[in-house]
Amino acid sequence: MEGEEAAAEIEQELTSLGETLTIRQRPSQGLSFQLWPAATSLVSLLDRDPDRVLTSLGRGRSPRLRILELGSGTGLVGIAAAALLGGDVVLTDMGHVLDNLRFNVEVNAGAVAARGGAAVVRRLEWGREEDLAVEEEVDLVLASDVVYHEHLFDPLLTTLRRLVVGRAVLVMAHLRRWKKDAVFFRKARKAFHVSVLHADPPPPGARLGVVVYRFAPRDG
């Protein structure tokens, strides 16, 4: 009963597919078990205008998209990407998050398979060499609301430098909350070309909306 009381489900419509994803949250277990605004904004962009993301990849991408999501949390973005883009998606996060992440992947397997997509779950702790060593080359890295704790900026950037290479790009949705976020972007611009792909208007009562960024390697 305690586990049931701690869980909360949300539904996310994928209008372009006529599908609805069901995502289990467990707010009492921490930040990684909750859905955050940048995730829903990124899913809405993928649903409404997937070409905005696909054309940002440029030439030379794989015939079947290879996608990796960082800090997947509840998995909404990665699962939606697998369904909407029909590619092979690897959803990653820390070890204690993976059981709930796998649950959400399994619940939504039908929606993912309907367009020929595939989704698997894997541990990837930012900056951890053992986790990075097993990752294969990808076309697209996805992330949402991953810039929050300052002590994670450098591990995250280490991971991005390993994954966003060659023709790969990162598409990252971010809602600025702290002035210190600027530190991450200042460091990121030394390694990547950073541009704005899309910006949501601020919601009522807020000064800022979610911004979706594109990161491309400077040597690419």
N, C-alpha and C. Protein backbone atom coordinates (compact mmCIF):
# COMPACT_ATOMS: atom_id res chain seq x y z
N MET A 1 0.81 -1.21 0.00
CA MET A 1 0.00 0.00 0.00
C MET A 1 0.85 1.27 0.00
N GLU A 2 1.94 1.23 0.75
CA GLU A 2 2.78 2.42 0.81
C GLU A 2 3.33 2.76 -0.56
N GLY A 3 3.75 1.73 -1.33
CA GLY A 3 4.28 1.99 -2.67
C GLY A 3 3.22 2.56 -3.58
N GLU A 4 1.97 2.06 -3.44
CA GLU A 4 0.89 2.56 -4.27
C GLU A 4 0.58 4.01 -3.94
N GLU A 5 0.60 4.35 -2.67
CA GLU A 5 0.30 5.72 -2.27
C GLU A 5 1.37 6.67 -2.74
N ALA A 6 2.61 6.20 -2.85
CA ALA A 6 3.72 7.06 -3.24
C ALA A 6 3.78 7.28 -4.75
N ALA A 7 3.06 6.48 -5.51
CA ALA A 7 3.11 6.57 -6.96
C ALA A 7 2.01 7.47 -7.49
N ALA A 8 2.30 8.16 -8.57
CA ALA A 8 1.31 9.01 -9.22
C ALA A 8 1.53 8.92 -10.72
N GLU A 9 0.47 8.62 -11.47
CA GLU A 9 0.59 8.49 -12.91
C GLU A 9 0.13 9.76 -13.62
N ILE A 10 0.80 10.10 -14.71
CA ILE A 10 0.35 11.19 -15.57
C ILE A 10 0.24 10.62 -16.99
N GLU A 11 -0.59 11.26 -17.78
CA GLU A 11 -0.74 10.84 -19.16
C GLU A 11 -0.28 11.95 -20.09
N GLN A 12 0.46 11.59 -21.13
CA GLN A 12 0.97 12.56 -22.10
C GLN A 12 0.48 12.15 -23.49
N GLU A 13 -0.32 13.00 -24.08
CA GLU A 13 -0.81 12.71 -25.42
C GLU A 13 0.26 12.96 -26.46
N LEU A 14 0.38 12.04 -27.42
CA LEU A 14 1.19 12.24 -28.61
C LEU A 14 0.19 12.44 -29.74
N THR A 15 -0.17 13.69 -29.97
CA THR A 15 -1.26 14.01 -30.88
C THR A 15 -1.01 13.51 -32.29
N SER A 16 0.22 13.63 -32.75
CA SER A 16 0.53 13.25 -34.13
C SER A 16 0.39 11.75 -34.37
N LEU A 17 0.45 10.96 -33.30
CA LEU A 17 0.33 9.51 -33.43
C LEU A 17 -1.03 8.98 -32.97
N GLY A 18 -1.81 9.83 -32.29
CA GLY A 18 -3.05 9.33 -31.70
C GLY A 18 -2.79 8.35 -30.58
N GLU A 19 -1.67 8.53 -29.87
CA GLU A 19 -1.29 7.65 -28.77
C GLU A 19 -1.22 8.45 -27.47
N THR A 20 -1.35 7.76 -26.35
CA THR A 20 -1.18 8.39 -25.05
C THR A 20 -0.18 7.58 -24.23
N LEU A 21 0.85 8.25 -23.74
CA LEU A 21 1.83 7.60 -22.87
C LEU A 21 1.39 7.73 -21.42
N THR A 22 1.62 6.68 -20.65
CA THR A 22 1.33 6.68 -19.22
C THR A 22 2.66 6.60 -18.47
N ILE A 23 2.91 7.59 -17.62
CA ILE A 23 4.19 7.68 -16.91
C ILE A 23 3.97 7.64 -15.41
N ARG A 24 4.64 6.70 -14.75
CA ARG A 24 4.54 6.59 -13.29
C ARG A 24 5.61 7.47 -12.64
N GLN A 25 5.17 8.32 -11.75
CA GLN A 25 6.08 9.12 -10.93
C GLN A 25 6.07 8.58 -9.50
N ARG A 26 7.16 8.83 -8.80
CA ARG A 26 7.25 8.49 -7.37
C ARG A 26 7.89 9.68 -6.65
N PRO A 27 7.15 10.77 -6.49
CA PRO A 27 7.72 12.01 -5.94
C PRO A 27 8.42 11.84 -4.60
N SER A 28 7.92 10.95 -3.77
CA SER A 28 8.51 10.78 -2.43
C SER A 28 9.92 10.20 -2.49
N GLN A 29 10.31 9.64 -3.65
CA GLN A 29 11.63 9.03 -3.76
C GLN A 29 12.70 9.97 -4.29
N GLY A 30 12.33 11.20 -4.64
CA GLY A 30 13.35 12.16 -5.04
C GLY A 30 13.09 12.82 -6.38
N LEU A 31 13.98 13.74 -6.75
CA LEU A 31 13.82 14.55 -7.96
C LEU A 31 13.76 13.71 -9.23
N SER A 32 14.52 12.62 -9.27
CA SER A 32 14.60 11.82 -10.49
C SER A 32 13.31 11.06 -10.78
N PHE A 33 12.41 11.04 -9.84
CA PHE A 33 11.16 10.28 -10.00
C PHE A 33 9.97 11.19 -10.28
N GLN A 34 10.27 12.45 -10.60
CA GLN A 34 9.22 13.42 -10.89
C GLN A 34 9.37 13.94 -12.32
N LEU A 35 8.26 14.39 -12.87
CA LEU A 35 8.26 14.97 -14.20
C LEU A 35 8.44 16.47 -14.08
N TRP A 36 9.35 17.03 -14.90
CA TRP A 36 9.68 18.45 -14.82
C TRP A 36 9.27 19.17 -16.11
N PRO A 37 9.06 20.50 -16.04
CA PRO A 37 8.50 21.24 -17.17
C PRO A 37 9.26 21.10 -18.48
N ALA A 38 10.59 21.05 -18.43
CA ALA A 38 11.36 20.98 -19.67
C ALA A 38 11.10 19.68 -20.43
N ALA A 39 10.80 18.61 -19.70
CA ALA A 39 10.53 17.33 -20.37
C ALA A 39 9.26 17.42 -21.21
N THR A 40 8.19 17.97 -20.64
CA THR A 40 6.95 18.07 -21.40
C THR A 40 7.09 19.04 -22.56
N SER A 41 7.89 20.09 -22.41
CA SER A 41 8.12 21.03 -23.51
C SER A 41 8.86 20.36 -24.66
N LEU A 42 9.86 19.55 -24.33
CA LEU A 42 10.62 18.87 -25.37
C LEU A 42 9.76 17.83 -26.09
N VAL A 43 8.94 17.11 -25.34
CA VAL A 43 8.03 16.14 -25.96
C VAL A 43 7.03 16.85 -26.87
N SER A 44 6.52 17.98 -26.44
CA SER A 44 5.58 18.74 -27.28
C SER A 44 6.23 19.19 -28.58
N LEU A 45 7.50 19.60 -28.51
CA LEU A 45 8.22 19.99 -29.72
C LEU A 45 8.40 18.80 -30.65
N LEU A 46 8.79 17.66 -30.10
CA LEU A 46 8.97 16.45 -30.92
C LEU A 46 7.65 16.01 -31.55
N ASP A 47 6.57 16.19 -30.84
CA ASP A 47 5.25 15.80 -31.33
C ASP A 47 4.75 16.76 -32.41
N ARG A 48 4.92 18.04 -32.15
CA ARG A 48 4.38 19.08 -33.03
C ARG A 48 5.25 19.34 -34.26
N ASP A 49 6.57 19.30 -34.07
CA ASP A 49 7.49 19.71 -35.13
C ASP A 49 8.77 18.88 -35.10
N PRO A 50 8.67 17.56 -35.35
CA PRO A 50 9.87 16.72 -35.28
C PRO A 50 10.96 17.14 -36.26
N ASP A 51 10.58 17.74 -37.38
CA ASP A 51 11.58 18.16 -38.36
C ASP A 51 12.51 19.22 -37.80
N ARG A 52 12.02 20.01 -36.83
CA ARG A 52 12.89 21.02 -36.21
C ARG A 52 14.08 20.35 -35.55
N VAL A 53 13.83 19.19 -34.97
CA VAL A 53 14.92 18.44 -34.33
C VAL A 53 15.71 17.66 -35.36
N LEU A 54 15.04 16.99 -36.28
CA LEU A 54 15.72 16.13 -37.25
C LEU A 54 16.62 16.92 -38.18
N THR A 55 16.17 18.09 -38.64
CA THR A 55 17.02 18.87 -39.54
C THR A 55 18.23 19.45 -38.82
N SER A 56 18.15 19.54 -37.49
CA SER A 56 19.30 20.04 -36.74
C SER A 56 20.44 19.04 -36.72
N LEU A 57 20.14 17.77 -37.10
CA LEU A 57 21.18 16.74 -37.09
C LEU A 57 22.12 16.87 -38.28
N GLY A 58 21.64 17.48 -39.36
CA GLY A 58 22.49 17.62 -40.53
C GLY A 58 22.63 16.32 -41.29
N ARG A 59 23.61 16.27 -42.18
CA ARG A 59 23.80 15.10 -43.02
C ARG A 59 24.64 14.05 -42.32
N GLY A 60 24.52 12.83 -42.82
CA GLY A 60 25.40 11.77 -42.35
C GLY A 60 24.87 10.98 -41.18
N ARG A 61 23.63 11.27 -40.75
CA ARG A 61 23.09 10.49 -39.64
C ARG A 61 22.72 9.09 -40.11
N SER A 62 22.54 8.19 -39.16
CA SER A 62 22.24 6.81 -39.49
C SER A 62 20.86 6.71 -40.13
N PRO A 63 20.65 5.75 -41.05
CA PRO A 63 19.32 5.55 -41.64
C PRO A 63 18.27 5.30 -40.57
N ARG A 64 18.65 4.57 -39.53
CA ARG A 64 17.77 4.38 -38.37
C ARG A 64 18.40 5.12 -37.20
N LEU A 65 17.70 6.11 -36.70
CA LEU A 65 18.26 7.00 -35.69
C LEU A 65 18.72 6.25 -34.44
N ARG A 66 19.90 6.61 -33.97
CA ARG A 66 20.42 6.10 -32.71
C ARG A 66 20.41 7.25 -31.72
N ILE A 67 19.62 7.10 -30.67
CA ILE A 67 19.36 8.19 -29.73
C ILE A 67 19.70 7.74 -28.32
N LEU A 68 20.29 8.64 -27.55
CA LEU A 68 20.57 8.37 -26.14
C LEU A 68 20.03 9.53 -25.33
N GLU A 69 19.29 9.21 -24.27
CA GLU A 69 18.80 10.25 -23.37
C GLU A 69 19.60 10.22 -22.08
N LEU A 70 20.06 11.39 -21.66
CA LEU A 70 20.77 11.53 -20.39
C LEU A 70 19.81 11.95 -19.29
N GLY A 71 20.01 11.43 -18.10
CA GLY A 71 19.17 11.80 -16.97
C GLY A 71 17.71 11.58 -17.25
N SER A 72 17.36 10.38 -17.68
CA SER A 72 16.01 10.11 -18.17
C SER A 72 14.93 10.29 -17.11
N GLY A 73 15.25 10.05 -15.84
CA GLY A 73 14.25 10.22 -14.80
C GLY A 73 13.07 9.28 -14.99
N THR A 74 11.89 9.84 -15.24
CA THR A 74 10.70 9.02 -15.46
C THR A 74 10.67 8.42 -16.86
N GLY A 75 11.50 8.94 -17.77
CA GLY A 75 11.61 8.36 -19.11
C GLY A 75 10.68 8.95 -20.15
N LEU A 76 9.92 9.99 -19.82
CA LEU A 76 8.95 10.52 -20.77
C LEU A 76 9.59 10.92 -22.09
N VAL A 77 10.69 11.66 -22.04
CA VAL A 77 11.30 12.16 -23.27
C VAL A 77 11.82 11.02 -24.14
N GLY A 78 12.55 10.09 -23.55
CA GLY A 78 13.12 8.99 -24.33
C GLY A 78 12.05 8.08 -24.92
N ILE A 79 11.02 7.80 -24.14
CA ILE A 79 9.93 6.95 -24.62
C ILE A 79 9.19 7.65 -25.76
N ALA A 80 8.91 8.94 -25.58
CA ALA A 80 8.24 9.69 -26.63
C ALA A 80 9.09 9.77 -27.89
N ALA A 81 10.39 9.95 -27.74
CA ALA A 81 11.27 10.01 -28.90
C ALA A 81 11.28 8.69 -29.66
N ALA A 82 11.27 7.58 -28.94
CA ALA A 82 11.24 6.27 -29.60
C ALA A 82 9.96 6.10 -30.39
N ALA A 83 8.84 6.58 -29.83
CA ALA A 83 7.55 6.45 -30.51
C ALA A 83 7.44 7.41 -31.69
N LEU A 84 7.84 8.65 -31.49
CA LEU A 84 7.64 9.68 -32.50
C LEU A 84 8.65 9.62 -33.64
N LEU A 85 9.89 9.25 -33.32
CA LEU A 85 10.95 9.25 -34.34
C LEU A 85 11.24 7.86 -34.89
N GLY A 86 10.71 6.82 -34.21
CA GLY A 86 10.88 5.47 -34.71
C GLY A 86 12.31 4.97 -34.71
N GLY A 87 13.13 5.48 -33.79
CA GLY A 87 14.52 5.07 -33.73
C GLY A 87 14.82 4.14 -32.58
N ASP A 88 16.10 3.86 -32.38
CA ASP A 88 16.57 3.04 -31.26
C ASP A 88 17.02 3.99 -30.15
N VAL A 89 16.34 3.95 -29.03
CA VAL A 89 16.62 4.89 -27.95
C VAL A 89 17.15 4.15 -26.73
N VAL A 90 18.23 4.67 -26.17
CA VAL A 90 18.77 4.18 -24.90
C VAL A 90 18.47 5.23 -23.85
N LEU A 91 17.69 4.86 -22.84
CA LEU A 91 17.37 5.76 -21.74
C LEU A 91 18.34 5.48 -20.60
N THR A 92 18.96 6.51 -20.07
CA THR A 92 19.99 6.31 -19.05
C THR A 92 19.74 7.16 -17.82
N ASP A 93 20.21 6.65 -16.69
CA ASP A 93 20.16 7.39 -15.43
C ASP A 93 20.98 6.62 -14.41
N MET A 94 20.94 7.08 -13.17
CA MET A 94 21.65 6.41 -12.09
C MET A 94 20.95 5.11 -11.72
N GLY A 95 21.69 4.23 -11.06
CA GLY A 95 21.19 2.89 -10.80
C GLY A 95 19.88 2.83 -10.05
N HIS A 96 19.69 3.69 -9.05
CA HIS A 96 18.48 3.59 -8.22
C HIS A 96 17.23 4.05 -8.95
N VAL A 97 17.39 4.68 -10.11
CA VAL A 97 16.25 5.18 -10.89
C VAL A 97 15.75 4.14 -11.90
N LEU A 98 16.56 3.14 -12.19
CA LEU A 98 16.32 2.29 -13.35
C LEU A 98 15.07 1.41 -13.24
N ASP A 99 14.71 0.94 -12.06
CA ASP A 99 13.53 0.07 -11.94
C ASP A 99 12.27 0.81 -12.38
N ASN A 100 12.10 2.04 -11.92
CA ASN A 100 10.91 2.82 -12.32
C ASN A 100 10.98 3.18 -13.80
N LEU A 101 12.18 3.44 -14.28
CA LEU A 101 12.38 3.76 -15.70
C LEU A 101 11.99 2.56 -16.57
N ARG A 102 12.42 1.37 -16.17
CA ARG A 102 12.06 0.15 -16.93
C ARG A 102 10.55 -0.08 -16.88
N PHE A 103 9.95 0.18 -15.74
CA PHE A 103 8.50 0.02 -15.62
C PHE A 103 7.79 0.88 -16.65
N ASN A 104 8.19 2.15 -16.77
CA ASN A 104 7.55 3.06 -17.72
C ASN A 104 7.81 2.66 -19.16
N VAL A 105 8.99 2.16 -19.44
CA VAL A 105 9.28 1.67 -20.80
C VAL A 105 8.37 0.50 -21.14
N GLU A 106 8.20 -0.42 -20.21
CA GLU A 106 7.37 -1.61 -20.46
C GLU A 106 5.89 -1.24 -20.63
N VAL A 107 5.41 -0.33 -19.80
CA VAL A 107 4.00 0.08 -19.87
C VAL A 107 3.67 0.70 -21.23
N ASN A 108 4.64 1.39 -21.81
CA ASN A 108 4.43 2.10 -23.06
C ASN A 108 5.02 1.40 -24.28
N ALA A 109 5.31 0.11 -24.13
CA ALA A 109 5.96 -0.64 -25.21
C ALA A 109 5.11 -0.66 -26.48
N GLY A 110 3.80 -0.72 -26.33
CA GLY A 110 2.93 -0.76 -27.50
C GLY A 110 3.01 0.51 -28.32
N ALA A 111 2.99 1.65 -27.66
CA ALA A 111 3.08 2.94 -28.36
C ALA A 111 4.42 3.10 -29.06
N VAL A 112 5.47 2.62 -28.43
CA VAL A 112 6.81 2.69 -29.03
C VAL A 112 6.92 1.80 -30.25
N ALA A 113 6.40 0.60 -30.15
CA ALA A 113 6.52 -0.37 -31.25
C ALA A 113 5.64 -0.03 -32.44
N ALA A 114 4.58 0.77 -32.21
CA ALA A 114 3.62 1.06 -33.28
C ALA A 114 4.27 1.71 -34.49
N ARG A 115 5.33 2.46 -34.26
CA ARG A 115 6.02 3.12 -35.37
C ARG A 115 7.41 2.53 -35.60
N GLY A 116 7.63 1.35 -35.05
CA GLY A 116 8.90 0.67 -35.26
C GLY A 116 10.03 1.11 -34.37
N GLY A 117 9.71 1.85 -33.31
CA GLY A 117 10.75 2.29 -32.40
C GLY A 117 11.15 1.22 -31.41
N ALA A 118 12.23 1.48 -30.68
CA ALA A 118 12.70 0.56 -29.65
C ALA A 118 13.33 1.37 -28.52
N ALA A 119 13.12 0.92 -27.30
CA ALA A 119 13.67 1.63 -26.14
C ALA A 119 14.23 0.63 -25.15
N VAL A 120 15.45 0.89 -24.70
CA VAL A 120 16.09 0.07 -23.67
C VAL A 120 16.62 0.99 -22.59
N VAL A 121 16.88 0.43 -21.42
CA VAL A 121 17.32 1.20 -20.26
C VAL A 121 18.72 0.77 -19.87
N ARG A 122 19.55 1.73 -19.53
CA ARG A 122 20.93 1.43 -19.15
C ARG A 122 21.41 2.42 -18.09
N ARG A 123 22.26 1.95 -17.22
CA ARG A 123 22.87 2.86 -16.24
C ARG A 123 23.93 3.72 -16.92
N LEU A 124 23.87 5.02 -16.64
CA LEU A 124 24.94 5.92 -17.06
C LEU A 124 25.01 7.05 -16.05
N GLU A 125 26.03 6.99 -15.22
CA GLU A 125 26.25 8.04 -14.23
C GLU A 125 27.26 9.02 -14.83
N TRP A 126 26.91 10.28 -14.86
CA TRP A 126 27.73 11.28 -15.53
C TRP A 126 29.16 11.29 -15.02
N GLY A 127 30.09 11.28 -15.95
CA GLY A 127 31.50 11.33 -15.62
C GLY A 127 32.10 10.01 -15.22
N ARG A 128 31.29 8.97 -15.13
CA ARG A 128 31.77 7.65 -14.69
C ARG A 128 32.31 6.89 -15.90
N GLU A 129 33.61 6.69 -15.93
CA GLU A 129 34.27 6.12 -17.10
C GLU A 129 33.76 4.73 -17.43
N GLU A 130 33.47 3.91 -16.41
CA GLU A 130 32.99 2.55 -16.67
C GLU A 130 31.66 2.56 -17.43
N ASP A 131 30.81 3.54 -17.15
CA ASP A 131 29.53 3.63 -17.84
C ASP A 131 29.69 4.17 -19.25
N LEU A 132 30.57 5.13 -19.42
CA LEU A 132 30.79 5.73 -20.74
C LEU A 132 31.45 4.76 -21.70
N ALA A 133 32.25 3.86 -21.18
CA ALA A 133 33.03 2.96 -22.04
C ALA A 133 32.15 2.05 -22.88
N VAL A 134 30.94 1.75 -22.41
CA VAL A 134 30.08 0.81 -23.13
C VAL A 134 29.17 1.50 -24.14
N GLU A 135 29.15 2.83 -24.15
CA GLU A 135 28.24 3.54 -25.04
C GLU A 135 28.76 3.56 -26.47
N GLU A 136 27.88 3.27 -27.40
CA GLU A 136 28.23 3.30 -28.81
C GLU A 136 27.95 4.69 -29.38
N GLU A 137 28.42 4.92 -30.59
CA GLU A 137 28.21 6.21 -31.24
C GLU A 137 26.72 6.43 -31.49
N VAL A 138 26.26 7.65 -31.27
CA VAL A 138 24.85 7.98 -31.45
C VAL A 138 24.71 9.16 -32.40
N ASP A 139 23.49 9.34 -32.92
CA ASP A 139 23.19 10.49 -33.77
C ASP A 139 22.68 11.68 -32.97
N LEU A 140 21.92 11.36 -31.92
CA LEU A 140 21.22 12.40 -31.17
C LEU A 140 21.26 12.08 -29.68
N VAL A 141 21.66 13.06 -28.90
CA VAL A 141 21.58 12.97 -27.44
C VAL A 141 20.47 13.90 -26.98
N LEU A 142 19.59 13.41 -26.13
CA LEU A 142 18.49 14.20 -25.60
C LEU A 142 18.66 14.40 -24.10
N ALA A 143 18.22 15.55 -23.62
CA ALA A 143 18.26 15.80 -22.17
C ALA A 143 17.25 16.89 -21.84
N SER A 144 16.72 16.85 -20.63
CA SER A 144 15.80 17.89 -20.17
C SER A 144 15.97 18.10 -18.68
N ASP A 145 16.03 19.37 -18.28
CA ASP A 145 16.19 19.72 -16.87
C ASP A 145 17.34 18.97 -16.20
N VAL A 146 18.50 18.96 -16.87
CA VAL A 146 19.65 18.27 -16.29
C VAL A 146 20.66 19.25 -15.68
N VAL A 147 20.47 20.54 -15.88
CA VAL A 147 21.39 21.55 -15.34
C VAL A 147 20.75 22.13 -14.09
N TYR A 148 21.16 21.58 -12.93
CA TYR A 148 20.56 22.07 -11.68
C TYR A 148 21.57 22.13 -10.55
N HIS A 149 22.28 21.03 -10.25
CA HIS A 149 23.27 21.05 -9.17
C HIS A 149 24.65 21.42 -9.73
N GLU A 150 25.26 22.45 -9.14
CA GLU A 150 26.53 22.94 -9.68
C GLU A 150 27.63 21.88 -9.65
N HIS A 151 27.62 21.01 -8.65
CA HIS A 151 28.67 20.00 -8.56
C HIS A 151 28.56 18.95 -9.67
N LEU A 152 27.44 18.95 -10.41
CA LEU A 152 27.28 18.00 -11.52
C LEU A 152 27.62 18.60 -12.88
N PHE A 153 27.93 19.90 -12.90
CA PHE A 153 28.23 20.53 -14.20
C PHE A 153 29.40 19.86 -14.90
N ASP A 154 30.50 19.68 -14.19
CA ASP A 154 31.69 19.11 -14.83
C ASP A 154 31.49 17.65 -15.23
N PRO A 155 30.91 16.78 -14.35
CA PRO A 155 30.63 15.42 -14.80
C PRO A 155 29.71 15.37 -16.01
N LEU A 156 28.71 16.24 -16.06
CA LEU A 156 27.82 16.27 -17.22
C LEU A 156 28.58 16.67 -18.47
N LEU A 157 29.43 17.68 -18.37
CA LEU A 157 30.19 18.12 -19.54
C LEU A 157 31.19 17.06 -19.99
N THR A 158 31.78 16.33 -19.04
CA THR A 158 32.67 15.22 -19.40
C THR A 158 31.91 14.18 -20.23
N THR A 159 30.69 13.87 -19.80
CA THR A 159 29.86 12.91 -20.52
C THR A 159 29.49 13.43 -21.91
N LEU A 160 29.13 14.69 -21.99
CA LEU A 160 28.76 15.27 -23.28
C LEU A 160 29.93 15.28 -24.26
N ARG A 161 31.12 15.52 -23.76
CA ARG A 161 32.29 15.52 -24.65
C ARG A 161 32.55 14.14 -25.23
N ARG A 162 32.15 13.10 -24.52
CA ARG A 162 32.32 11.74 -25.02
C ARG A 162 31.23 11.34 -26.00
N LEU A 163 30.03 11.87 -25.82
CA LEU A 163 28.89 11.44 -26.62
C LEU A 163 28.63 12.34 -27.82
N VAL A 164 28.80 13.64 -27.64
CA VAL A 164 28.48 14.59 -28.71
C VAL A 164 29.75 14.84 -29.51
N VAL A 165 30.02 13.90 -30.41
CA VAL A 165 31.23 13.93 -31.25
C VAL A 165 30.83 13.65 -32.69
N GLY A 166 31.72 14.02 -33.62
CA GLY A 166 31.44 13.76 -35.03
C GLY A 166 30.21 14.52 -35.47
N ARG A 167 29.22 13.78 -35.98
CA ARG A 167 27.98 14.40 -36.47
C ARG A 167 26.88 14.43 -35.41
N ALA A 168 27.14 13.90 -34.25
CA ALA A 168 26.12 13.86 -33.19
C ALA A 168 25.83 15.25 -32.66
N VAL A 169 24.59 15.47 -32.24
CA VAL A 169 24.22 16.71 -31.57
C VAL A 169 23.45 16.40 -30.29
N LEU A 170 23.46 17.36 -29.39
CA LEU A 170 22.64 17.31 -28.19
C LEU A 170 21.48 18.27 -28.36
N VAL A 171 20.27 17.82 -28.08
CA VAL A 171 19.10 18.69 -27.99
C VAL A 171 18.67 18.66 -26.53
N MET A 172 18.76 19.82 -25.88
CA MET A 172 18.56 19.90 -24.43
C MET A 172 17.52 20.96 -24.09
N ALA A 173 16.49 20.57 -23.37
CA ALA A 173 15.48 21.52 -22.91
C ALA A 173 15.84 21.96 -21.49
N HIS A 174 15.75 23.26 -21.26
CA HIS A 174 16.21 23.79 -19.97
C HIS A 174 15.32 24.94 -19.53
N LEU A 175 14.96 24.93 -18.27
CA LEU A 175 14.24 26.05 -17.65
C LEU A 175 15.19 26.68 -16.64
N ARG A 176 15.60 27.90 -16.92
CA ARG A 176 16.56 28.57 -16.03
C ARG A 176 15.90 28.89 -14.68
N ARG A 177 16.57 28.49 -13.62
CA ARG A 177 16.07 28.75 -12.28
C ARG A 177 17.07 29.52 -11.43
N TRP A 178 18.36 29.38 -11.74
CA TRP A 178 19.40 29.97 -10.89
C TRP A 178 20.41 30.72 -11.75
N LYS A 179 21.00 31.75 -11.18
CA LYS A 179 22.04 32.48 -11.90
C LYS A 179 23.23 31.60 -12.22
N LYS A 180 23.47 30.60 -11.36
CA LYS A 180 24.63 29.73 -11.55
C LYS A 180 24.51 28.89 -12.82
N ASP A 181 23.31 28.77 -13.38
CA ASP A 181 23.17 28.04 -14.65
C ASP A 181 24.09 28.61 -15.72
N ALA A 182 24.35 29.92 -15.64
CA ALA A 182 25.21 30.57 -16.62
C ALA A 182 26.62 29.98 -16.61
N VAL A 183 27.05 29.48 -15.47
CA VAL A 183 28.38 28.86 -15.37
C VAL A 183 28.45 27.64 -16.27
N PHE A 184 27.41 26.82 -16.25
CA PHE A 184 27.39 25.64 -17.11
C PHE A 184 27.47 26.03 -18.58
N PHE A 185 26.67 26.99 -19.00
CA PHE A 185 26.64 27.37 -20.41
C PHE A 185 27.96 28.02 -20.84
N ARG A 186 28.58 28.76 -19.95
CA ARG A 186 29.88 29.36 -20.27
C ARG A 186 30.92 28.28 -20.53
N LYS A 187 30.92 27.25 -19.69
CA LYS A 187 31.85 26.14 -19.89
C LYS A 187 31.49 25.34 -21.14
N ALA A 188 30.19 25.14 -21.37
CA ALA A 188 29.75 24.35 -22.52
C ALA A 188 30.16 24.99 -23.83
N ARG A 189 30.11 26.31 -23.90
CA ARG A 189 30.43 27.00 -25.16
C ARG A 189 31.90 26.89 -25.53
N LYS A 190 32.75 26.47 -24.60
CA LYS A 190 34.15 26.25 -24.94
C LYS A 190 34.34 24.97 -25.75
N ALA A 191 33.41 24.03 -25.59
CA ALA A 191 33.53 22.74 -26.28
C ALA A 191 32.52 22.56 -27.39
N PHE A 192 31.41 23.33 -27.35
CA PHE A 192 30.32 23.11 -28.29
C PHE A 192 29.82 24.42 -28.89
N HIS A 193 29.29 24.32 -30.11
CA HIS A 193 28.49 25.40 -30.67
C HIS A 193 27.11 25.27 -30.04
N VAL A 194 26.68 26.29 -29.32
CA VAL A 194 25.40 26.25 -28.62
C VAL A 194 24.45 27.26 -29.27
N SER A 195 23.30 26.79 -29.70
CA SER A 195 22.31 27.68 -30.32
C SER A 195 20.93 27.34 -29.79
N VAL A 196 20.00 28.26 -29.96
CA VAL A 196 18.62 28.06 -29.51
C VAL A 196 17.82 27.46 -30.65
N LEU A 197 17.21 26.31 -30.38
CA LEU A 197 16.38 25.62 -31.36
C LEU A 197 14.92 26.05 -31.24
N HIS A 198 14.50 26.32 -30.01
CA HIS A 198 13.10 26.68 -29.77
C HIS A 198 13.00 27.31 -28.39
N ALA A 199 12.06 28.23 -28.23
CA ALA A 199 11.82 28.83 -26.92
C ALA A 199 10.32 28.93 -26.67
N ASP A 200 9.86 28.40 -25.55
CA ASP A 200 8.47 28.54 -25.15
C ASP A 200 8.24 29.92 -24.54
N PRO A 201 7.07 30.51 -24.73
CA PRO A 201 6.76 31.74 -24.00
C PRO A 201 6.63 31.44 -22.52
N PRO A 202 6.91 32.43 -21.67
CA PRO A 202 6.74 32.19 -20.22
C PRO A 202 5.29 31.86 -19.89
N PRO A 203 5.07 30.89 -19.01
CA PRO A 203 3.69 30.61 -18.57
C PRO A 203 3.17 31.76 -17.71
N PRO A 204 1.88 31.84 -17.50
CA PRO A 204 1.31 32.91 -16.67
C PRO A 204 1.98 33.00 -15.31
N GLY A 205 2.38 34.20 -14.95
CA GLY A 205 2.98 34.43 -13.64
C GLY A 205 4.48 34.17 -13.57
N ALA A 206 5.09 33.75 -14.70
CA ALA A 206 6.53 33.45 -14.71
C ALA A 206 7.26 34.41 -15.65
N ARG A 207 8.55 34.59 -15.42
CA ARG A 207 9.36 35.47 -16.26
C ARG A 207 10.00 34.72 -17.42
N LEU A 208 10.22 33.43 -17.26
CA LEU A 208 10.96 32.66 -18.25
C LEU A 208 10.20 31.42 -18.66
N GLY A 209 10.37 31.03 -19.91
CA GLY A 209 9.84 29.77 -20.40
C GLY A 209 10.97 28.79 -20.68
N VAL A 210 10.61 27.58 -21.03
CA VAL A 210 11.60 26.56 -21.36
C VAL A 210 12.27 26.90 -22.69
N VAL A 211 13.58 26.73 -22.73
CA VAL A 211 14.35 26.95 -23.95
C VAL A 211 14.96 25.61 -24.37
N VAL A 212 14.87 25.28 -25.66
CA VAL A 212 15.47 24.06 -26.20
C VAL A 212 16.73 24.46 -26.96
N TYR A 213 17.87 23.93 -26.52
CA TYR A 213 19.16 24.26 -27.10
C TYR A 213 19.68 23.13 -27.98
N ARG A 214 20.49 23.50 -28.95
CA ARG A 214 21.23 22.54 -29.77
C ARG A 214 22.72 22.71 -29.48
N PHE A 215 23.38 21.62 -29.12
CA PHE A 215 24.84 21.61 -28.90
C PHE A 215 25.46 20.78 -30.03
N ALA A 216 26.44 21.33 -30.71
CA ALA A 216 27.18 20.59 -31.73
C ALA A 216 28.66 20.71 -31.45
N PRO A 217 29.45 19.68 -31.78
CA PRO A 217 30.89 19.76 -31.48
C PRO A 217 31.56 20.91 -32.22
N ARG A 218 32.47 21.59 -31.58
CA ARG A 218 33.19 22.68 -32.23
C ARG A 218 34.12 22.17 -33.32
N ASP A 219 34.55 20.92 -33.18
CA ASP A 219 35.47 20.38 -34.20
C ASP A 219 34.72 19.57 -35.25
N GLY A 220 33.37 19.61 -35.23
CA GLY A 220 32.58 18.84 -36.17
C GLY A 220 32.35 19.56 -37.48
